Each structure stands twice: as structure tokens, then as C-alpha cells.
């Protein structure tokens, strides 16, 4: 912006009285756009403050709020300058229309242009610095959000993220959206794995199962670590289709031992599923999935059960277990 003014000054171009107010008007319009950009920039950053208000540390949140407050102060300051320049430009236009002194009008226009250019340069400098600070803060927020929603060991979503997503899909369902299924997946006899092979081996099993879930349940709405050796998935319905998918997953896990160092560990899982019925909150859906999982664990493990709202119903079990039942 300052280079444009230098161009006028160094070329020593005569400015006609009837044209100078137009030039000032154009520059003023550019200045208004710049201030408008600042306002939009400021508003755009508010979403980061909202997203991070529960994840940021107190110090980081205070710094972000302070930076946004500074942007607000600059917006008010430069908006006031725009109004002042508009008044001056109006008075110059009136002087031209009344046939005022041409040289005096030109001088006043040039002075006004200098003021606008100077203010624009000052604003641009502040904006550049604010942008750098906001980019840094945005990267920090993105990092905090990722850490707050991710399980550190497996890389899956954590319980906090799962709870949020369950509330979202349940609210959508209650508003006439599509149904969904909650599946709880538990590693059978995980304590024995830790006792027999060590906790490091147990961690390897958790990581490998997380990888299997991520791949085999790629179409799910979310896969998360529920806690300990338990995982969860939010899937599209209907319930029987989701249960069949989970039974295929159960068989896949049972057929593919997991590697822990030089040792191969045979792992099986139990699964319980449910879907919303006439529930007014999501908690009963989760409770029924847990009841179905309990049935799978209690009756013999390495099984998939779904809860139809009344009872837990068997979907799949090992072939030897089926012949014994």
C-alpha cells in the first residue's frame, strides 16, 4: 500500500481537483476492506477459542483470549479512523462542488492520502504479527485437541471422544436420523496374557488388536478404546447386520495369533451389541450392549451377542462350543 503512494509522489503527477477525491475514495475503500478482513479474521478465530475452551491450559487460554481482545481493540480503532476519513472526504467533495481553491483542495487530499497510507501500513504490520501468533496458537490447539481425543497407547479415539460421538449420533437419531449400533469388544482372559507374557506383551496385543479393529471396521462411525482391554465401535444399523460383521471380526481375531516379540499369542474376543429403542438418553443403549457382552463372557467367551431390548441373543461362537451346547 505504501508503494502505491510513493509511486504518486515520485512521479510528480499533477492531480486534478475533480479526480483527487475519487482517488481518496478508492484508497479509503481499500482501507475499509482491510479493516473488514481484520474483523472476519477475528471472528474466524473464535471457533478455535470455543473448540479449545475445555482442552487448553489456563495460561494458553488466557493468552488466546488476550490476543483476540487485541484484535477487537484494533478493529474498533481502525473503524473509527475509517469514519473520520469518510467525513474528511465528504468535506473535500463539498469543497470541489462549490469551486473551492484547487491547490488547497489538492493539498488536503494528499494529506488525507498520506494519513490513510500510514494507517494502512500500521494495520498491516499489526495484522502480520497477529497472524503469526494465531497460527502458532492454532497449531497448539490442534495438538491439544488431538491429544484430548486420542488414546496414547493404541492411537484410537479415547473414551471421552466416544462419549461425545455417542451423544451426537443419538441426538441425530432422536431427531429422525438413521439408527446406529454400539458394540463393546473385550479381550478374553487379558489378565492371563499379562501374567504369562508380561505387561509389555499385553501392550503389544492391545496395539495389534487396535490395528485389526481399525482395518476390519473401516466403515464404522467410530472405533475407540473404551478402557483397559475393552474397545468400542459405533456402527451403522441394522443391529443384525452389525452383529454379523462383529462375528466375522471375532473369527478373524481367533484365527490370527498376535506377535509379542518372538512369541505368538492366541487371542480371542467377546462382543456385545445393542441399538436404540424407545430410549430418551443414550445410557440405556450402552447398558444393553454391556449386558450382551456380559452374556458372551459369562457363557464361555469368544462369542458375539446382541441385545434386542429384552434378551441377549447369541450370534456366533466357536464351532466346538456350538456342538457342546
C-alpha atoms as a PDB file:
ATOM      1  CA  UNK A   1       0.000   0.000   0.000  1.00  0.00           C
ATOM      2  CA  UNK A   2       2.827   2.450   0.824  1.00  0.00           C
ATOM      3  CA  UNK A   3       4.489   1.699  -2.523  1.00  0.00           C
ATOM      4  CA  UNK A   4       1.352   2.983  -4.282  1.00  0.00           C
ATOM      5  CA  UNK A   5       1.641   6.321  -2.545  1.00  0.00           C
ATOM      6  CA  UNK A   6       5.391   6.551  -3.274  1.00  0.00           C
ATOM      7  CA  UNK A   7       4.578   5.984  -6.915  1.00  0.00           C
ATOM      8  CA  UNK A   8       2.295   9.045  -6.920  1.00  0.00           C
ATOM      9  CA  UNK A   9       4.881  11.107  -5.072  1.00  0.00           C
ATOM     10  CA  UNK A  10       7.930  10.226  -7.138  1.00  0.00           C
ATOM     11  CA  UNK A  11       6.239  10.566 -10.490  1.00  0.00           C
ATOM     12  CA  UNK A  12       5.128  14.095  -9.514  1.00  0.00           C
ATOM     13  CA  UNK A  13       1.886  13.606 -11.384  1.00  0.00           C
ATOM     14  CA  UNK A  14      -0.494  16.572 -11.175  1.00  0.00           C
ATOM     15  CA  UNK A  15      -3.720  15.581  -9.517  1.00  0.00           C
ATOM     16  CA  UNK A  16      -6.824  17.230 -10.930  1.00  0.00           C
ATOM     17  CA  UNK A  17      -9.180  18.660  -8.373  1.00  0.00           C
ATOM     18  CA  UNK A  18     -12.081  16.620  -9.688  1.00  0.00           C
ATOM     19  CA  UNK A  19     -10.082  13.375  -9.591  1.00  0.00           C
ATOM     20  CA  UNK A  20      -8.343  13.579  -6.219  1.00  0.00           C
ATOM     21  CA  UNK A  21     -11.460  12.932  -4.142  1.00  0.00           C
ATOM     22  CA  UNK A  22     -12.074   9.849  -6.317  1.00  0.00           C
ATOM     23  CA  UNK A  23      -8.521   8.588  -5.634  1.00  0.00           C
ATOM     24  CA  UNK A  24      -9.001   9.155  -1.953  1.00  0.00           C
ATOM     25  CA  UNK A  25     -12.301   7.328  -2.155  1.00  0.00           C
ATOM     26  CA  UNK A  26     -10.686   4.315  -3.823  1.00  0.00           C
ATOM     27  CA  UNK A  27      -7.915   4.179  -1.242  1.00  0.00           C
ATOM     28  CA  UNK A  28     -10.452   4.603   1.518  1.00  0.00           C
ATOM     29  CA  UNK A  29     -12.464   1.715   0.101  1.00  0.00           C
ATOM     30  CA  UNK A  30      -9.333  -0.430   0.109  1.00  0.00           C
ATOM     31  CA  UNK A  31      -8.760   0.545   3.713  1.00  0.00           C
ATOM     32  CA  UNK A  32     -12.327  -0.400   4.623  1.00  0.00           C
ATOM     33  CA  UNK A  33     -11.783  -3.811   3.006  1.00  0.00           C
ATOM     34  CA  UNK A  34      -8.632  -4.295   5.037  1.00  0.00           C
ATOM     35  CA  UNK A  35     -10.457  -3.484   8.257  1.00  0.00           C
ATOM     36  CA  UNK A  36     -13.254  -5.813   7.170  1.00  0.00           C
ATOM     37  CA  UNK A  37     -10.670  -8.538   6.641  1.00  0.00           C
ATOM     38  CA  UNK A  38      -9.448  -7.986  10.161  1.00  0.00           C
ATOM     39  CA  UNK A  39     -12.990  -8.311  11.510  1.00  0.00           C
ATOM     40  CA  UNK A  40     -13.545 -11.527   9.576  1.00  0.00           C
ATOM     41  CA  UNK A  41     -10.162 -12.819  10.674  1.00  0.00           C
ATOM     42  CA  UNK A  42     -11.050 -12.123  14.276  1.00  0.00           C
ATOM     43  CA  UNK A  43     -14.453 -13.795  14.029  1.00  0.00           C
ATOM     44  CA  UNK A  44     -12.917 -16.798  12.292  1.00  0.00           C
ATOM     45  CA  UNK A  45     -10.520 -17.360  15.167  1.00  0.00           C
ATOM     46  CA  UNK A  46     -13.333 -17.501  17.735  1.00  0.00           C
ATOM     47  CA  UNK A  47     -14.134 -21.056  16.696  1.00  0.00           C
ATOM     48  CA  UNK A  48     -10.723 -22.096  17.943  1.00  0.00           C
ATOM     49  CA  UNK A  49     -11.409 -20.476  21.281  1.00  0.00           C
ATOM     50  CA  UNK A  50     -14.731 -22.358  21.520  1.00  0.00           C
ATOM     51  CA  UNK A  51     -13.212 -25.648  20.473  1.00  0.00           C
ATOM     52  CA  UNK A  52     -10.399 -25.370  22.942  1.00  0.00           C
ATOM     53  CA  UNK A  53     -12.063 -23.837  25.968  1.00  0.00           C
ATOM     54  CA  UNK A  54     -12.179 -27.194  27.732  1.00  0.00           C
ATOM     55  CA  UNK A  55      -8.864 -28.571  26.446  1.00  0.00           C
ATOM     56  CA  UNK A  56      -6.383 -25.690  26.770  1.00  0.00           C
ATOM     57  CA  UNK A  57      -4.394 -24.979  29.878  1.00  0.00           C
ATOM     58  CA  UNK A  58      -5.414 -21.879  31.794  1.00  0.00           C
ATOM     59  CA  UNK A  59      -2.326 -19.966  30.666  1.00  0.00           C
ATOM     60  CA  UNK A  60      -2.811 -20.815  26.983  1.00  0.00           C
ATOM     61  CA  UNK A  61      -6.482 -19.902  27.156  1.00  0.00           C
ATOM     62  CA  UNK A  62      -5.674 -16.546  28.718  1.00  0.00           C
ATOM     63  CA  UNK A  63      -3.101 -15.788  26.017  1.00  0.00           C
ATOM     64  CA  UNK A  64      -5.588 -16.659  23.282  1.00  0.00           C
ATOM     65  CA  UNK A  65      -8.295 -14.504  24.833  1.00  0.00           C
ATOM     66  CA  UNK A  66      -5.837 -11.629  25.200  1.00  0.00           C
ATOM     67  CA  UNK A  67      -4.832 -11.901  21.552  1.00  0.00           C
ATOM     68  CA  UNK A  68      -8.444 -11.881  20.413  1.00  0.00           C
ATOM     69  CA  UNK A  69      -9.116  -8.883  22.662  1.00  0.00           C
ATOM     70  CA  UNK A  70      -6.229  -7.033  20.996  1.00  0.00           C
ATOM     71  CA  UNK A  71      -7.707  -7.810  17.593  1.00  0.00           C
ATOM     72  CA  UNK A  72     -11.022  -6.447  18.781  1.00  0.00           C
ATOM     73  CA  UNK A  73      -9.343  -3.276  20.016  1.00  0.00           C
ATOM     74  CA  UNK A  74      -7.596  -2.796  16.672  1.00  0.00           C
ATOM     75  CA  UNK A  75     -10.878  -3.314  14.854  1.00  0.00           C
ATOM     76  CA  UNK A  76     -12.551  -0.557  16.882  1.00  0.00           C
ATOM     77  CA  UNK A  77      -9.563   1.750  16.483  1.00  0.00           C
ATOM     78  CA  UNK A  78      -9.346   1.442  12.722  1.00  0.00           C
ATOM     79  CA  UNK A  79     -13.089   1.508  12.248  1.00  0.00           C
ATOM     80  CA  UNK A  80     -13.013   4.891  13.975  1.00  0.00           C
ATOM     81  CA  UNK A  81     -10.314   6.027  11.554  1.00  0.00           C
ATOM     82  CA  UNK A  82     -12.479   4.960   8.606  1.00  0.00           C
ATOM     83  CA  UNK A  83     -15.358   7.108   9.867  1.00  0.00           C
ATOM     84  CA  UNK A  84     -13.024  10.088  10.292  1.00  0.00           C
ATOM     85  CA  UNK A  85     -11.607   9.671   6.783  1.00  0.00           C
ATOM     86  CA  UNK A  86     -15.113   9.404   5.365  1.00  0.00           C
ATOM     87  CA  UNK A  87     -16.031  12.713   6.988  1.00  0.00           C
ATOM     88  CA  UNK A  88     -12.923  14.411   5.619  1.00  0.00           C
ATOM     89  CA  UNK A  89     -13.556  13.019   2.153  1.00  0.00           C
ATOM     90  CA  UNK A  90     -17.117  14.290   2.266  1.00  0.00           C
ATOM     91  CA  UNK A  91     -15.945  17.785   3.157  1.00  0.00           C
ATOM     92  CA  UNK A  92     -13.416  17.726   0.297  1.00  0.00           C
ATOM     93  CA  UNK A  93     -16.099  16.676  -2.159  1.00  0.00           C
ATOM     94  CA  UNK A  94     -18.317  19.531  -0.988  1.00  0.00           C
ATOM     95  CA  UNK A  95     -15.416  21.969  -1.462  1.00  0.00           C
ATOM     96  CA  UNK A  96     -14.844  20.772  -5.013  1.00  0.00           C
ATOM     97  CA  UNK A  97     -18.518  21.090  -5.886  1.00  0.00           C
ATOM     98  CA  UNK A  98     -18.551  24.670  -4.547  1.00  0.00           C
ATOM     99  CA  UNK A  99     -15.499  25.609  -6.632  1.00  0.00           C
ATOM    100  CA  UNK A 100     -13.039  25.953  -3.754  1.00  0.00           C
ATOM    101  CA  UNK A 101      -9.337  26.642  -4.052  1.00  0.00           C
ATOM    102  CA  UNK A 102      -7.839  23.907  -6.255  1.00  0.00           C
ATOM    103  CA  UNK A 103      -4.329  23.892  -4.791  1.00  0.00           C
ATOM    104  CA  UNK A 104      -5.671  23.924  -1.258  1.00  0.00           C
ATOM    105  CA  UNK A 105      -8.014  21.025  -2.031  1.00  0.00           C
ATOM    106  CA  UNK A 106      -5.187  19.036  -3.649  1.00  0.00           C
ATOM    107  CA  UNK A 107      -3.013  19.551  -0.606  1.00  0.00           C
ATOM    108  CA  UNK A 108      -5.752  18.402   1.733  1.00  0.00           C
ATOM    109  CA  UNK A 109      -6.383  15.344  -0.455  1.00  0.00           C
ATOM    110  CA  UNK A 110      -2.684  14.453  -0.445  1.00  0.00           C
ATOM    111  CA  UNK A 111      -2.556  14.881   3.314  1.00  0.00           C
ATOM    112  CA  UNK A 112      -5.572  12.606   3.671  1.00  0.00           C
ATOM    113  CA  UNK A 113      -3.965  10.036   1.383  1.00  0.00           C
ATOM    114  CA  UNK A 114      -0.811  10.113   3.492  1.00  0.00           C
ATOM    115  CA  UNK A 115      -2.848   9.502   6.625  1.00  0.00           C
ATOM    116  CA  UNK A 116      -4.700   6.588   5.026  1.00  0.00           C
ATOM    117  CA  UNK A 117      -1.484   5.030   3.714  1.00  0.00           C
ATOM    118  CA  UNK A 118       0.220   5.383   7.078  1.00  0.00           C
ATOM    119  CA  UNK A 119      -2.735   3.850   8.881  1.00  0.00           C
ATOM    120  CA  UNK A 120      -2.895   1.015   6.364  1.00  0.00           C
ATOM    121  CA  UNK A 121       0.811   0.291   6.831  1.00  0.00           C
ATOM    122  CA  UNK A 122       0.423   0.276  10.592  1.00  0.00           C
ATOM    123  CA  UNK A 123      -2.579  -2.032  10.393  1.00  0.00           C
ATOM    124  CA  UNK A 124      -0.796  -4.412   8.011  1.00  0.00           C
ATOM    125  CA  UNK A 125       2.183  -4.668  10.364  1.00  0.00           C
ATOM    126  CA  UNK A 126      -0.084  -5.483  13.272  1.00  0.00           C
ATOM    127  CA  UNK A 127      -2.028  -7.979  11.204  1.00  0.00           C
ATOM    128  CA  UNK A 128       1.127  -9.778  10.108  1.00  0.00           C
ATOM    129  CA  UNK A 129       2.238 -10.144  13.705  1.00  0.00           C
ATOM    130  CA  UNK A 130      -1.235 -11.222  14.853  1.00  0.00           C
ATOM    131  CA  UNK A 131      -1.407 -13.802  12.078  1.00  0.00           C
ATOM    132  CA  UNK A 132       1.886 -15.337  13.198  1.00  0.00           C
ATOM    133  CA  UNK A 133       0.660 -15.530  16.784  1.00  0.00           C
ATOM    134  CA  UNK A 134      -2.682 -17.023  15.770  1.00  0.00           C
ATOM    135  CA  UNK A 135      -1.042 -19.623  13.532  1.00  0.00           C
ATOM    136  CA  UNK A 136       1.120 -20.692  16.452  1.00  0.00           C
ATOM    137  CA  UNK A 137      -1.889 -20.791  18.783  1.00  0.00           C
ATOM    138  CA  UNK A 138      -3.915 -22.733  16.223  1.00  0.00           C
ATOM    139  CA  UNK A 139      -1.221 -25.391  15.949  1.00  0.00           C
ATOM    140  CA  UNK A 140      -1.176 -25.682  19.729  1.00  0.00           C
ATOM    141  CA  UNK A 141      -4.954 -26.022  19.843  1.00  0.00           C
ATOM    142  CA  UNK A 142      -4.934 -28.702  17.139  1.00  0.00           C
ATOM    143  CA  UNK A 143      -2.317 -30.602  19.128  1.00  0.00           C
ATOM    144  CA  UNK A 144      -4.312 -30.289  22.353  1.00  0.00           C
ATOM    145  CA  UNK A 145      -7.498 -31.442  20.623  1.00  0.00           C
ATOM    146  CA  UNK A 146      -5.762 -34.488  19.155  1.00  0.00           C
ATOM    147  CA  UNK A 147      -4.232 -35.434  22.489  1.00  0.00           C
ATOM    148  CA  UNK A 148      -7.517 -34.902  24.323  1.00  0.00           C
ATOM    149  CA  UNK A 149      -9.402 -37.244  21.964  1.00  0.00           C
ATOM    150  CA  UNK A 150      -6.800 -39.952  21.351  1.00  0.00           C
ATOM    151  CA  UNK A 151      -5.692 -42.966  23.367  1.00  0.00           C
ATOM    152  CA  UNK A 152      -1.942 -42.704  23.813  1.00  0.00           C
ATOM    153  CA  UNK A 153      -1.185 -46.434  23.521  1.00  0.00           C
ATOM    154  CA  UNK A 154      -3.354 -47.559  20.599  1.00  0.00           C
ATOM    155  CA  UNK A 155      -3.887 -44.345  18.648  1.00  0.00           C
ATOM    156  CA  UNK A 156      -7.641 -44.958  18.592  1.00  0.00           C
ATOM    157  CA  UNK A 157     -10.154 -42.458  19.905  1.00  0.00           C
ATOM    158  CA  UNK A 158     -10.465 -42.473  23.691  1.00  0.00           C
ATOM    159  CA  UNK A 159     -13.484 -42.795  25.995  1.00  0.00           C
ATOM    160  CA  UNK A 160     -14.015 -39.051  26.101  1.00  0.00           C
ATOM    161  CA  UNK A 161     -14.255 -38.830  22.314  1.00  0.00           C
ATOM    162  CA  UNK A 162     -16.508 -41.892  22.239  1.00  0.00           C
ATOM    163  CA  UNK A 163     -18.950 -40.403  24.743  1.00  0.00           C
ATOM    164  CA  UNK A 164     -19.159 -37.215  22.692  1.00  0.00           C
ATOM    165  CA  UNK A 165     -19.773 -39.121  19.460  1.00  0.00           C
ATOM    166  CA  UNK A 166     -22.427 -41.330  21.055  1.00  0.00           C
ATOM    167  CA  UNK A 167     -24.313 -38.253  22.203  1.00  0.00           C
ATOM    168  CA  UNK A 168     -24.088 -36.781  18.712  1.00  0.00           C
ATOM    169  CA  UNK A 169     -25.406 -39.837  16.867  1.00  0.00           C
ATOM    170  CA  UNK A 170     -28.104 -40.405  19.485  1.00  0.00           C
ATOM    171  CA  UNK A 171     -29.288 -36.790  19.218  1.00  0.00           C
ATOM    172  CA  UNK A 172     -29.399 -37.163  15.428  1.00  0.00           C
ATOM    173  CA  UNK A 173     -31.359 -40.423  15.792  1.00  0.00           C
ATOM    174  CA  UNK A 174     -33.900 -38.815  18.141  1.00  0.00           C
ATOM    175  CA  UNK A 175     -34.348 -36.032  15.584  1.00  0.00           C
ATOM    176  CA  UNK A 176     -35.357 -38.517  12.887  1.00  0.00           C
ATOM    177  CA  UNK A 177     -31.919 -39.614  11.720  1.00  0.00           C
ATOM    178  CA  UNK A 178     -30.731 -43.122  10.978  1.00  0.00           C
ATOM    179  CA  UNK A 179     -30.308 -45.776  13.626  1.00  0.00           C
ATOM    180  CA  UNK A 180     -26.916 -46.875  14.909  1.00  0.00           C
ATOM    181  CA  UNK A 181     -25.342 -49.725  16.862  1.00  0.00           C
ATOM    182  CA  UNK A 182     -22.975 -49.675  19.821  1.00  0.00           C
ATOM    183  CA  UNK A 183     -20.572 -52.627  20.027  1.00  0.00           C
ATOM    184  CA  UNK A 184     -18.396 -53.387  23.046  1.00  0.00           C
ATOM    185  CA  UNK A 185     -15.353 -55.606  22.391  1.00  0.00           C
ATOM    186  CA  UNK A 186     -13.404 -57.237  25.216  1.00  0.00           C
ATOM    187  CA  UNK A 187     -10.183 -59.284  25.041  1.00  0.00           C
ATOM    188  CA  UNK A 188     -10.761 -62.639  26.715  1.00  0.00           C
ATOM    189  CA  UNK A 189      -8.563 -63.509  29.709  1.00  0.00           C
ATOM    190  CA  UNK A 190      -6.353 -60.484  29.172  1.00  0.00           C
ATOM    191  CA  UNK A 191      -5.003 -60.718  32.723  1.00  0.00           C
ATOM    192  CA  UNK A 192      -3.526 -64.117  31.900  1.00  0.00           C
ATOM    193  CA  UNK A 193      -1.747 -62.595  28.905  1.00  0.00           C
ATOM    194  CA  UNK A 194      -0.142 -60.014  31.188  1.00  0.00           C
ATOM    195  CA  UNK A 195       0.682 -62.639  33.829  1.00  0.00           C
ATOM    196  CA  UNK A 196       2.120 -65.187  31.397  1.00  0.00           C
ATOM    197  CA  UNK A 197       3.884 -62.936  28.905  1.00  0.00           C
ATOM    198  CA  UNK A 198       4.371 -59.631  30.746  1.00  0.00           C
ATOM    199  CA  UNK A 199       2.735 -56.222  30.509  1.00  0.00           C
ATOM    200  CA  UNK A 200       4.837 -55.224  27.519  1.00  0.00           C
ATOM    201  CA  UNK A 201       3.394 -58.167  25.610  1.00  0.00           C
ATOM    202  CA  UNK A 202      -0.054 -57.121  26.807  1.00  0.00           C
ATOM    203  CA  UNK A 203       0.523 -53.654  25.367  1.00  0.00           C
ATOM    204  CA  UNK A 204       1.571 -55.205  22.058  1.00  0.00           C
ATOM    205  CA  UNK A 205      -1.658 -57.208  21.972  1.00  0.00           C
ATOM    206  CA  UNK A 206      -3.691 -54.048  22.618  1.00  0.00           C
ATOM    207  CA  UNK A 207      -1.901 -52.205  19.812  1.00  0.00           C
ATOM    208  CA  UNK A 208      -2.315 -55.061  17.345  1.00  0.00           C
ATOM    209  CA  UNK A 209      -5.991 -55.532  18.140  1.00  0.00           C
ATOM    210  CA  UNK A 210      -6.488 -51.781  17.697  1.00  0.00           C
ATOM    211  CA  UNK A 211      -4.904 -52.091  14.249  1.00  0.00           C
ATOM    212  CA  UNK A 212      -7.201 -55.011  13.381  1.00  0.00           C
ATOM    213  CA  UNK A 213     -10.267 -53.076  14.536  1.00  0.00           C
ATOM    214  CA  UNK A 214      -9.205 -50.034  12.537  1.00  0.00           C
ATOM    215  CA  UNK A 215      -8.896 -52.160   9.400  1.00  0.00           C
ATOM    216  CA  UNK A 216     -11.805 -54.566   9.808  1.00  0.00           C
ATOM    217  CA  UNK A 217     -14.249 -51.884  10.989  1.00  0.00           C
ATOM    218  CA  UNK A 218     -13.155 -49.253   8.494  1.00  0.00           C
ATOM    219  CA  UNK A 219     -16.755 -48.292   7.696  1.00  0.00           C
ATOM    220  CA  UNK A 220     -17.703 -47.632  11.326  1.00  0.00           C
ATOM    221  CA  UNK A 221     -18.677 -44.203  12.606  1.00  0.00           C
ATOM    222  CA  UNK A 222     -16.015 -44.514  15.313  1.00  0.00           C
ATOM    223  CA  UNK A 223     -13.691 -47.085  16.846  1.00  0.00           C
ATOM    224  CA  UNK A 224     -12.327 -46.284  20.291  1.00  0.00           C
ATOM    225  CA  UNK A 225     -10.544 -47.732  23.278  1.00  0.00           C
ATOM    226  CA  UNK A 226     -13.208 -47.943  25.951  1.00  0.00           C
ATOM    227  CA  UNK A 227     -10.747 -48.604  28.757  1.00  0.00           C
ATOM    228  CA  UNK A 228      -8.293 -51.305  29.799  1.00  0.00           C
ATOM    229  CA  UNK A 229      -8.671 -54.277  27.452  1.00  0.00           C
ATOM    230  CA  UNK A 230     -12.096 -53.138  26.248  1.00  0.00           C
ATOM    231  CA  UNK A 231     -12.839 -51.390  22.951  1.00  0.00           C
ATOM    232  CA  UNK A 232     -15.987 -49.948  21.421  1.00  0.00           C
ATOM    233  CA  UNK A 233     -17.373 -49.176  17.994  1.00  0.00           C
ATOM    234  CA  UNK A 234     -20.269 -47.060  16.795  1.00  0.00           C
ATOM    235  CA  UNK A 235     -21.671 -48.654  13.653  1.00  0.00           C
ATOM    236  CA  UNK A 236     -24.487 -48.189  11.205  1.00  0.00           C
ATOM    237  CA  UNK A 237     -27.531 -50.390  11.709  1.00  0.00           C
ATOM    238  CA  UNK A 238     -29.470 -52.536  11.458  1.00  0.00           C
ATOM    239  CA  UNK A 239     -28.440 -54.480  14.550  1.00  0.00           C
ATOM    240  CA  UNK A 240     -28.315 -57.938  12.956  1.00  0.00           C
ATOM    241  CA  UNK A 241     -26.062 -56.744  10.138  1.00  0.00           C
ATOM    242  CA  UNK A 242     -23.680 -55.094  12.586  1.00  0.00           C
ATOM    243  CA  UNK A 243     -23.701 -58.264  14.708  1.00  0.00           C
ATOM    244  CA  UNK A 244     -22.780 -60.365  11.676  1.00  0.00           C
ATOM    245  CA  UNK A 245     -19.885 -58.015  10.948  1.00  0.00           C
ATOM    246  CA  UNK A 246     -18.646 -58.332  14.515  1.00  0.00           C
ATOM    247  CA  UNK A 247     -18.874 -62.121  14.315  1.00  0.00           C
ATOM    248  CA  UNK A 248     -16.603 -62.085  11.272  1.00  0.00           C
ATOM    249  CA  UNK A 249     -14.223 -59.910  13.268  1.00  0.00           C
ATOM    250  CA  UNK A 250     -14.346 -62.409  16.157  1.00  0.00           C
ATOM    251  CA  UNK A 251     -13.405 -65.267  13.840  1.00  0.00           C
ATOM    252  CA  UNK A 252     -10.617 -63.240  12.223  1.00  0.00           C
ATOM    253  CA  UNK A 253      -9.025 -62.449  15.592  1.00  0.00           C
ATOM    254  CA  UNK A 254      -9.268 -66.069  16.760  1.00  0.00           C
ATOM    255  CA  UNK A 255      -7.639 -67.320  13.545  1.00  0.00           C
ATOM    256  CA  UNK A 256      -4.687 -64.917  13.586  1.00  0.00           C
ATOM    257  CA  UNK A 257      -2.375 -65.146  16.626  1.00  0.00           C
ATOM    258  CA  UNK A 258      -0.692 -61.912  17.632  1.00  0.00           C
ATOM    259  CA  UNK A 259       3.023 -61.321  17.812  1.00  0.00           C
ATOM    260  CA  UNK A 260       4.747 -60.197  21.008  1.00  0.00           C
ATOM    261  CA  UNK A 261       8.471 -60.220  20.468  1.00  0.00           C
ATOM    262  CA  UNK A 262       9.373 -63.743  19.391  1.00  0.00           C
ATOM    263  CA  UNK A 263       6.193 -65.234  20.824  1.00  0.00           C
ATOM    264  CA  UNK A 264       2.826 -65.741  19.185  1.00  0.00           C
ATOM    265  CA  UNK A 265      -0.183 -65.257  21.432  1.00  0.00           C
ATOM    266  CA  UNK A 266      -3.584 -66.690  20.621  1.00  0.00           C
ATOM    267  CA  UNK A 267      -6.192 -64.037  21.352  1.00  0.00           C
ATOM    268  CA  UNK A 268      -9.980 -64.216  21.351  1.00  0.00           C
ATOM    269  CA  UNK A 269     -12.585 -61.529  21.905  1.00  0.00           C
ATOM    270  CA  UNK A 270     -16.138 -61.332  23.190  1.00  0.00           C
ATOM    271  CA  UNK A 271     -18.596 -58.786  21.791  1.00  0.00           C
ATOM    272  CA  UNK A 272     -21.905 -57.313  22.906  1.00  0.00           C
ATOM    273  CA  UNK A 273     -24.095 -55.067  20.745  1.00  0.00           C
ATOM    274  CA  UNK A 274     -27.278 -53.025  21.071  1.00  0.00           C
ATOM    275  CA  UNK A 275     -29.186 -50.313  19.254  1.00  0.00           C
ATOM    276  CA  UNK A 276     -31.550 -47.543  20.445  1.00  0.00           C
ATOM    277  CA  UNK A 277     -35.171 -48.412  21.058  1.00  0.00           C
ATOM    278  CA  UNK A 278     -37.539 -46.010  22.787  1.00  0.00           C
ATOM    279  CA  UNK A 279     -34.724 -44.559  24.846  1.00  0.00           C
ATOM    280  CA  UNK A 280     -34.667 -40.882  25.752  1.00  0.00           C
ATOM    281  CA  UNK A 281     -30.947 -40.876  26.567  1.00  0.00           C
ATOM    282  CA  UNK A 282     -28.042 -42.894  25.187  1.00  0.00           C
ATOM    283  CA  UNK A 283     -27.064 -44.539  28.503  1.00  0.00           C
ATOM    284  CA  UNK A 284     -29.564 -47.448  28.242  1.00  0.00           C
ATOM    285  CA  UNK A 285     -28.215 -48.316  24.783  1.00  0.00           C
ATOM    286  CA  UNK A 286     -24.737 -48.625  26.228  1.00  0.00           C
ATOM    287  CA  UNK A 287     -26.055 -50.593  29.218  1.00  0.00           C
ATOM    288  CA  UNK A 288     -27.748 -53.170  26.954  1.00  0.00           C
ATOM    289  CA  UNK A 289     -24.549 -53.593  24.937  1.00  0.00           C
ATOM    290  CA  UNK A 290     -22.739 -54.212  28.214  1.00  0.00           C
ATOM    291  CA  UNK A 291     -25.338 -56.811  29.236  1.00  0.00           C
ATOM    292  CA  UNK A 292     -24.860 -58.584  25.899  1.00  0.00           C
ATOM    293  CA  UNK A 293     -21.096 -58.518  26.421  1.00  0.00           C
ATOM    294  CA  UNK A 294     -21.541 -59.955  29.911  1.00  0.00           C
ATOM    295  CA  UNK A 295     -23.572 -62.817  28.441  1.00  0.00           C
ATOM    296  CA  UNK A 296     -20.795 -63.529  25.937  1.00  0.00           C
ATOM    297  CA  UNK A 297     -18.155 -63.545  28.658  1.00  0.00           C
ATOM    298  CA  UNK A 298     -20.217 -65.479  31.205  1.00  0.00           C
ATOM    299  CA  UNK A 299     -21.329 -68.270  28.897  1.00  0.00           C
ATOM    300  CA  UNK A 300     -17.864 -69.100  27.570  1.00  0.00           C
ATOM    301  CA  UNK A 301     -16.108 -66.178  25.821  1.00  0.00           C
ATOM    302  CA  UNK A 302     -15.124 -65.914  22.150  1.00  0.00           C
ATOM    303  CA  UNK A 303     -18.747 -65.135  21.379  1.00  0.00           C
ATOM    304  CA  UNK A 304     -20.916 -62.364  19.942  1.00  0.00           C
ATOM    305  CA  UNK A 305     -24.271 -61.476  21.474  1.00  0.00           C
ATOM    306  CA  UNK A 306     -26.675 -58.675  20.686  1.00  0.00           C
ATOM    307  CA  UNK A 307     -29.417 -57.307  22.923  1.00  0.00           C
ATOM    308  CA  UNK A 308     -32.810 -56.940  21.246  1.00  0.00           C
ATOM    309  CA  UNK A 309     -34.281 -54.844  24.060  1.00  0.00           C
ATOM    310  CA  UNK A 310     -35.473 -57.838  26.043  1.00  0.00           C
ATOM    311  CA  UNK A 311     -32.773 -60.520  25.981  1.00  0.00           C
ATOM    312  CA  UNK A 312     -29.203 -61.138  24.902  1.00  0.00           C
ATOM    313  CA  UNK A 313     -29.168 -63.305  21.770  1.00  0.00           C
ATOM    314  CA  UNK A 314     -26.245 -65.416  20.533  1.00  0.00           C
ATOM    315  CA  UNK A 315     -24.887 -64.576  17.082  1.00  0.00           C
ATOM    316  CA  UNK A 316     -21.666 -66.541  16.830  1.00  0.00           C
ATOM    317  CA  UNK A 317     -19.442 -68.896  18.875  1.00  0.00           C
ATOM    318  CA  UNK A 318     -16.604 -71.364  18.220  1.00  0.00           C
ATOM    319  CA  UNK A 319     -17.743 -74.463  16.333  1.00  0.00           C
ATOM    320  CA  UNK A 320     -16.682 -76.801  19.171  1.00  0.00           C
ATOM    321  CA  UNK A 321     -18.695 -74.739  21.633  1.00  0.00           C
ATOM    322  CA  UNK A 322     -21.740 -74.898  19.398  1.00  0.00           C
ATOM    323  CA  UNK A 323     -21.575 -78.691  19.238  1.00  0.00           C
ATOM    324  CA  UNK A 324     -21.413 -78.875  23.025  1.00  0.00           C
ATOM    325  CA  UNK A 325     -24.407 -76.578  23.602  1.00  0.00           C
END
